[in-house]
Amino acid sequence: MTVAATTPAAAARGGRADVVYVLLLVQAGAGLLGMLGELLFMGGLPFYAIAPLSRVVVTFVFAALVVRGRRGALTGVIVLQLLSLAGLVASLVLGAFPGIDFTPTLTGLLTGLVLPVLVTVLCVRLLIAPEPGAGAR
């Protein structure tokens, strides 16, 4: 065993905070890809990129703070994920009305339902029982 592996920072690597970090990066990447697809193929105005870009920036900031062990960032991530879930529910409800089309796709359900639920559960678990050595990185 090496000396580096026995430090608290090295022992905390690979924990739930790192998983949340990676999931948030996947979520931000999917948001960027969706925004680029809309701008390129749907003829969207650059004005429509403001909301997705701001969400990606906020997600990156929260991801960096979560992996550093900041407990306040966990609360922010939970709020962001709950807003995502509320948006999905609103889309499902509005899609039931005639004239409004909402077609759920596998990718949409993955990024709009599965990832937010997974990230929320992991963040709540981190709030309840922080990992040993969190914040020592």
C-alpha atoms as a PDB file:
ATOM      1  CA  MET A   1       0.000   0.000   0.000  1.00  0.00           C
ATOM      2  CA  THR A   2       1.335   3.407  -0.919  1.00  0.00           C
ATOM      3  CA  VAL A   3       1.452   6.427   1.353  1.00  0.00           C
ATOM      4  CA  ALA A   4      -0.874   8.411  -0.945  1.00  0.00           C
ATOM      5  CA  ALA A   5      -3.635   5.833  -0.541  1.00  0.00           C
ATOM      6  CA  THR A   6      -3.662   6.226   3.247  1.00  0.00           C
ATOM      7  CA  THR A   7      -4.407   9.977   3.310  1.00  0.00           C
ATOM      8  CA  PRO A   8      -8.005  11.006   4.081  1.00  0.00           C
ATOM      9  CA  ALA A   9      -8.407  12.720   0.709  1.00  0.00           C
ATOM     10  CA  ALA A  10      -7.379   9.607  -1.198  1.00  0.00           C
ATOM     11  CA  ALA A  11      -9.584   7.397   0.947  1.00  0.00           C
ATOM     12  CA  ALA A  12     -12.629   9.537   0.140  1.00  0.00           C
ATOM     13  CA  ARG A  13     -12.175   9.221  -3.624  1.00  0.00           C
ATOM     14  CA  GLY A  14     -14.781   7.168  -5.402  1.00  0.00           C
ATOM     15  CA  GLY A  15     -17.516   7.941  -2.875  1.00  0.00           C
ATOM     16  CA  ARG A  16     -21.067   9.149  -3.375  1.00  0.00           C
ATOM     17  CA  ALA A  17     -19.954  12.759  -3.909  1.00  0.00           C
ATOM     18  CA  ASP A  18     -17.867  11.661  -6.895  1.00  0.00           C
ATOM     19  CA  VAL A  19     -20.837   9.741  -8.300  1.00  0.00           C
ATOM     20  CA  VAL A  20     -23.034  12.839  -7.916  1.00  0.00           C
ATOM     21  CA  TYR A  21     -20.314  14.860  -9.657  1.00  0.00           C
ATOM     22  CA  VAL A  22     -20.213  12.522 -12.649  1.00  0.00           C
ATOM     23  CA  LEU A  23     -24.020  12.322 -12.892  1.00  0.00           C
ATOM     24  CA  LEU A  24     -24.257  16.120 -12.842  1.00  0.00           C
ATOM     25  CA  LEU A  25     -21.669  16.327 -15.624  1.00  0.00           C
ATOM     26  CA  VAL A  26     -23.677  13.811 -17.674  1.00  0.00           C
ATOM     27  CA  GLN A  27     -26.815  15.853 -17.070  1.00  0.00           C
ATOM     28  CA  ALA A  28     -25.096  19.093 -18.091  1.00  0.00           C
ATOM     29  CA  GLY A  29     -23.656  17.436 -21.200  1.00  0.00           C
ATOM     30  CA  ALA A  30     -27.088  16.183 -22.226  1.00  0.00           C
ATOM     31  CA  GLY A  31     -28.460  19.696 -21.751  1.00  0.00           C
ATOM     32  CA  LEU A  32     -25.719  21.178 -23.925  1.00  0.00           C
ATOM     33  CA  LEU A  33     -26.284  18.567 -26.615  1.00  0.00           C
ATOM     34  CA  GLY A  34     -30.029  19.234 -26.619  1.00  0.00           C
ATOM     35  CA  MET A  35     -29.452  22.979 -26.835  1.00  0.00           C
ATOM     36  CA  LEU A  36     -27.026  22.612 -29.741  1.00  0.00           C
ATOM     37  CA  GLY A  37     -29.425  20.289 -31.558  1.00  0.00           C
ATOM     38  CA  GLU A  38     -32.250  22.764 -31.158  1.00  0.00           C
ATOM     39  CA  LEU A  39     -30.142  25.661 -32.373  1.00  0.00           C
ATOM     40  CA  LEU A  40     -28.720  23.777 -35.363  1.00  0.00           C
ATOM     41  CA  PHE A  41     -31.642  21.730 -36.609  1.00  0.00           C
ATOM     42  CA  MET A  42     -34.684  23.670 -35.454  1.00  0.00           C
ATOM     43  CA  GLY A  43     -33.462  27.074 -36.597  1.00  0.00           C
ATOM     44  CA  GLY A  44     -33.659  28.460 -33.066  1.00  0.00           C
ATOM     45  CA  LEU A  45     -32.541  31.952 -32.251  1.00  0.00           C
ATOM     46  CA  PRO A  46     -29.487  32.330 -29.993  1.00  0.00           C
ATOM     47  CA  PHE A  47     -31.845  33.960 -27.458  1.00  0.00           C
ATOM     48  CA  TYR A  48     -33.217  30.482 -26.713  1.00  0.00           C
ATOM     49  CA  ALA A  49     -29.772  29.334 -25.571  1.00  0.00           C
ATOM     50  CA  ILE A  50     -29.765  31.584 -22.491  1.00  0.00           C
ATOM     51  CA  ALA A  51     -31.828  29.288 -20.243  1.00  0.00           C
ATOM     52  CA  PRO A  52     -30.007  26.025 -21.092  1.00  0.00           C
ATOM     53  CA  LEU A  53     -26.585  27.680 -20.820  1.00  0.00           C
ATOM     54  CA  SER A  54     -27.403  29.204 -17.448  1.00  0.00           C
ATOM     55  CA  ARG A  55     -28.605  25.822 -16.196  1.00  0.00           C
ATOM     56  CA  VAL A  56     -25.396  24.162 -17.416  1.00  0.00           C
ATOM     57  CA  VAL A  57     -23.250  26.796 -15.683  1.00  0.00           C
ATOM     58  CA  VAL A  58     -25.198  26.392 -12.419  1.00  0.00           C
ATOM     59  CA  THR A  59     -24.916  22.601 -12.699  1.00  0.00           C
ATOM     60  CA  PHE A  60     -21.140  22.812 -13.236  1.00  0.00           C
ATOM     61  CA  VAL A  61     -20.754  25.106 -10.221  1.00  0.00           C
ATOM     62  CA  PHE A  62     -22.847  22.827  -8.012  1.00  0.00           C
ATOM     63  CA  ALA A  63     -20.932  19.761  -9.251  1.00  0.00           C
ATOM     64  CA  ALA A  64     -17.601  21.358  -8.350  1.00  0.00           C
ATOM     65  CA  LEU A  65     -18.890  22.364  -4.908  1.00  0.00           C
ATOM     66  CA  VAL A  66     -20.399  18.946  -4.185  1.00  0.00           C
ATOM     67  CA  VAL A  67     -17.159  17.134  -4.937  1.00  0.00           C
ATOM     68  CA  ARG A  68     -15.380  19.535  -2.558  1.00  0.00           C
ATOM     69  CA  GLY A  69     -17.735  18.515   0.242  1.00  0.00           C
ATOM     70  CA  ARG A  70     -19.876  21.660   0.491  1.00  0.00           C
ATOM     71  CA  ARG A  71     -23.160  20.749   2.197  1.00  0.00           C
ATOM     72  CA  GLY A  72     -24.967  23.847   0.906  1.00  0.00           C
ATOM     73  CA  ALA A  73     -24.308  22.725  -2.660  1.00  0.00           C
ATOM     74  CA  LEU A  74     -26.121  19.464  -1.925  1.00  0.00           C
ATOM     75  CA  THR A  75     -29.236  21.449  -1.031  1.00  0.00           C
ATOM     76  CA  GLY A  76     -28.870  23.494  -4.217  1.00  0.00           C
ATOM     77  CA  VAL A  77     -28.541  20.335  -6.302  1.00  0.00           C
ATOM     78  CA  ILE A  78     -31.654  18.868  -4.672  1.00  0.00           C
ATOM     79  CA  VAL A  79     -33.622  22.028  -5.495  1.00  0.00           C
ATOM     80  CA  LEU A  80     -32.346  21.964  -9.085  1.00  0.00           C
ATOM     81  CA  GLN A  81     -33.317  18.307  -9.480  1.00  0.00           C
ATOM     82  CA  LEU A  82     -36.771  18.896  -7.989  1.00  0.00           C
ATOM     83  CA  LEU A  83     -37.283  21.720 -10.491  1.00  0.00           C
ATOM     84  CA  SER A  84     -36.358  19.282 -13.272  1.00  0.00           C
ATOM     85  CA  LEU A  85     -38.891  16.764 -11.991  1.00  0.00           C
ATOM     86  CA  ALA A  86     -41.552  19.483 -11.699  1.00  0.00           C
ATOM     87  CA  GLY A  87     -40.861  20.469 -15.312  1.00  0.00           C
ATOM     88  CA  LEU A  88     -41.317  16.878 -16.442  1.00  0.00           C
ATOM     89  CA  VAL A  89     -44.603  16.568 -14.538  1.00  0.00           C
ATOM     90  CA  ALA A  90     -45.814  19.878 -16.008  1.00  0.00           C
ATOM     91  CA  SER A  91     -44.912  18.674 -19.512  1.00  0.00           C
ATOM     92  CA  LEU A  92     -46.803  15.412 -18.935  1.00  0.00           C
ATOM     93  CA  VAL A  93     -49.881  17.248 -17.646  1.00  0.00           C
ATOM     94  CA  LEU A  94     -49.854  19.834 -20.426  1.00  0.00           C
ATOM     95  CA  GLY A  95     -49.276  17.081 -22.995  1.00  0.00           C
ATOM     96  CA  ALA A  96     -52.652  15.603 -22.042  1.00  0.00           C
ATOM     97  CA  PHE A  97     -54.452  18.665 -23.435  1.00  0.00           C
ATOM     98  CA  PRO A  98     -55.436  18.656 -27.102  1.00  0.00           C
ATOM     99  CA  GLY A  99     -53.199  20.776 -29.272  1.00  0.00           C
ATOM    100  CA  ILE A 100     -50.169  20.433 -27.016  1.00  0.00           C
ATOM    101  CA  ASP A 101     -47.827  17.635 -27.966  1.00  0.00           C
ATOM    102  CA  PHE A 102     -45.427  15.979 -25.541  1.00  0.00           C
ATOM    103  CA  THR A 103     -43.780  12.778 -26.665  1.00  0.00           C
ATOM    104  CA  PRO A 104     -41.695  11.141 -23.962  1.00  0.00           C
ATOM    105  CA  THR A 105     -38.556   9.500 -25.302  1.00  0.00           C
ATOM    106  CA  LEU A 106     -36.131   7.126 -23.640  1.00  0.00           C
ATOM    107  CA  THR A 107     -33.438   9.810 -23.533  1.00  0.00           C
ATOM    108  CA  GLY A 108     -35.914  12.357 -22.206  1.00  0.00           C
ATOM    109  CA  LEU A 109     -37.028  10.003 -19.454  1.00  0.00           C
ATOM    110  CA  LEU A 110     -33.416   9.188 -18.599  1.00  0.00           C
ATOM    111  CA  THR A 111     -32.334  12.826 -18.324  1.00  0.00           C
ATOM    112  CA  GLY A 112     -35.628  14.166 -16.994  1.00  0.00           C
ATOM    113  CA  LEU A 113     -36.653  11.425 -14.561  1.00  0.00           C
ATOM    114  CA  VAL A 114     -33.984   8.814 -13.815  1.00  0.00           C
ATOM    115  CA  LEU A 115     -30.969  11.132 -13.407  1.00  0.00           C
ATOM    116  CA  PRO A 116     -32.792  13.703 -11.224  1.00  0.00           C
ATOM    117  CA  VAL A 117     -34.209  10.973  -8.964  1.00  0.00           C
ATOM    118  CA  LEU A 118     -30.815   9.264  -8.670  1.00  0.00           C
ATOM    119  CA  VAL A 119     -28.960  12.516  -7.958  1.00  0.00           C
ATOM    120  CA  THR A 120     -31.601  13.580  -5.408  1.00  0.00           C
ATOM    121  CA  VAL A 121     -31.380  10.269  -3.551  1.00  0.00           C
ATOM    122  CA  LEU A 122     -27.569  10.422  -3.462  1.00  0.00           C
ATOM    123  CA  CYS A 123     -27.584  14.043  -2.276  1.00  0.00           C
ATOM    124  CA  VAL A 124     -30.100  13.283   0.485  1.00  0.00           C
ATOM    125  CA  ARG A 125     -27.943  10.350   1.600  1.00  0.00           C
ATOM    126  CA  LEU A 126     -24.898  12.638   1.658  1.00  0.00           C
ATOM    127  CA  LEU A 127     -26.804  15.187   3.725  1.00  0.00           C
ATOM    128  CA  ILE A 128     -27.962  12.572   6.200  1.00  0.00           C
ATOM    129  CA  ALA A 129     -24.667  10.712   6.536  1.00  0.00           C
ATOM    130  CA  PRO A 130     -21.653  12.631   5.144  1.00  0.00           C
ATOM    131  CA  GLU A 131     -18.738  10.582   3.896  1.00  0.00           C
ATOM    132  CA  PRO A 132     -15.665  10.419   6.090  1.00  0.00           C
ATOM    133  CA  GLY A 133     -13.032  12.872   4.947  1.00  0.00           C
ATOM    134  CA  ALA A 134     -15.507  14.958   2.940  1.00  0.00           C
ATOM    135  CA  GLY A 135     -14.203  18.449   2.357  1.00  0.00           C
ATOM    136  CA  ALA A 136     -10.589  17.359   2.913  1.00  0.00           C
ATOM    137  CA  ARG A 137      -9.884  17.302  -0.815  1.00  0.00           C
END
